[in-house]
Amino acid sequence: MTSAGERFLFPEDSGAWLTVLRIGLGLHVALYALSLRRDWHDLLSSLLGRDLSEGILSAESPFVPRMGWFIDAGARLGLSESAVLTVVWVFLLAAGCALAAGLFSRPAAILAWLLHLCAAKSGGFVAYGVDRFMTVGLFYLMWSPLPDRYSLDHLWRGKALSRQELLGFFRRVLQVHLCVNYFFGGLGKGLGRGWWNGDNLWRALTRPPFDSVAPELLVKLKVLFSIAGISIVLLEAGYPVFIWLKATRRPWLICIAGMHLGIGLLMGMHLFALVMIVLNAAAFGPVSATSSERGTRATGRTGN
């Protein structure tokens, strides 16, 4: 007989969440690479601060991945910095496409995590929240029991599913991670007055480069800022409670997705909105195996 702790940490799971996470993050990595195709060399060039950001990284730890590793390796092979950056961009895009298709899933996840982390750390002065959550999502994905049952690895190449007993465990870790993140995010917002009276929301929407909405429209809607700010605080702080309850899980998930969608549309943070929606959908979206599969088996026994 298993204990309550074991049932919580290792629940039965169909693995549908892993498919959502793999496809969602694969598309996200590909879109991330495509969105930076024109600025990739400028953002990661040594002339625009890569050496400075990597120097700060070296002072913190010499083991943090960085783009300079690839630049130095390419120099030994006679490749220019520009050529190496181009190769890294192509491999990052290819890793995202391979993940979305489920082809060479684990190597693609590892490659996407490493290359993205190097780019995010070396371009740290222009990185923001999307890079942190993208790294977290890819980290969970590369350790999860890939390939999932809907990947090309499994469907076309006949590659056997591995470590299926850990499907529920990795999903649970992701769920707990999101709960901790949202709770302390909501708690931090709730400790000050800025989110209760709407001032912080106003500043967020009017601060470059996130001022995507015309100021005239914001002035007209300013009366709603206090309501929106309070709603965000309550949504995030209440996430660890209401996302677990069956009656409130779907409404809470929809509201959280709507919040991130609003951030993406109003502040131009489309990739941040996408990665947060993907993480939430994977963690709490798909129905677990126990409820769906047991219902199917019960229906089959009744029919027989």
Foldseek 3Di string as FASTA:
>chain_A
DDDPVCCLQQPFFQLVLLLLLLQLLLVLLLVVLVVCVVPQCVLQPVVNCLVVLVVVVVVVPPPQAAPVVQQVVVVVVVDHPVVSSVVLSVLSNVLSVCSNQQHVNLVSLVSNLRSLSRSCSSSVVPDDDLSVLSNVSSVLSNPAFDDRCRHCCCPPVVDDTPPSSCSSNSLSVLLVVLLVVLQVVLVVLVVDCCLQQLVVVVCLCCDPPQVPDDVVVCVVCVVCSNVVSVVSSCLSNCCVPQCPDPVRVVVSLVVVLVVLVCSCVRRVVVSSSSSVNSSSCSNRNDDGCVVVVVVVVVVVVVVD
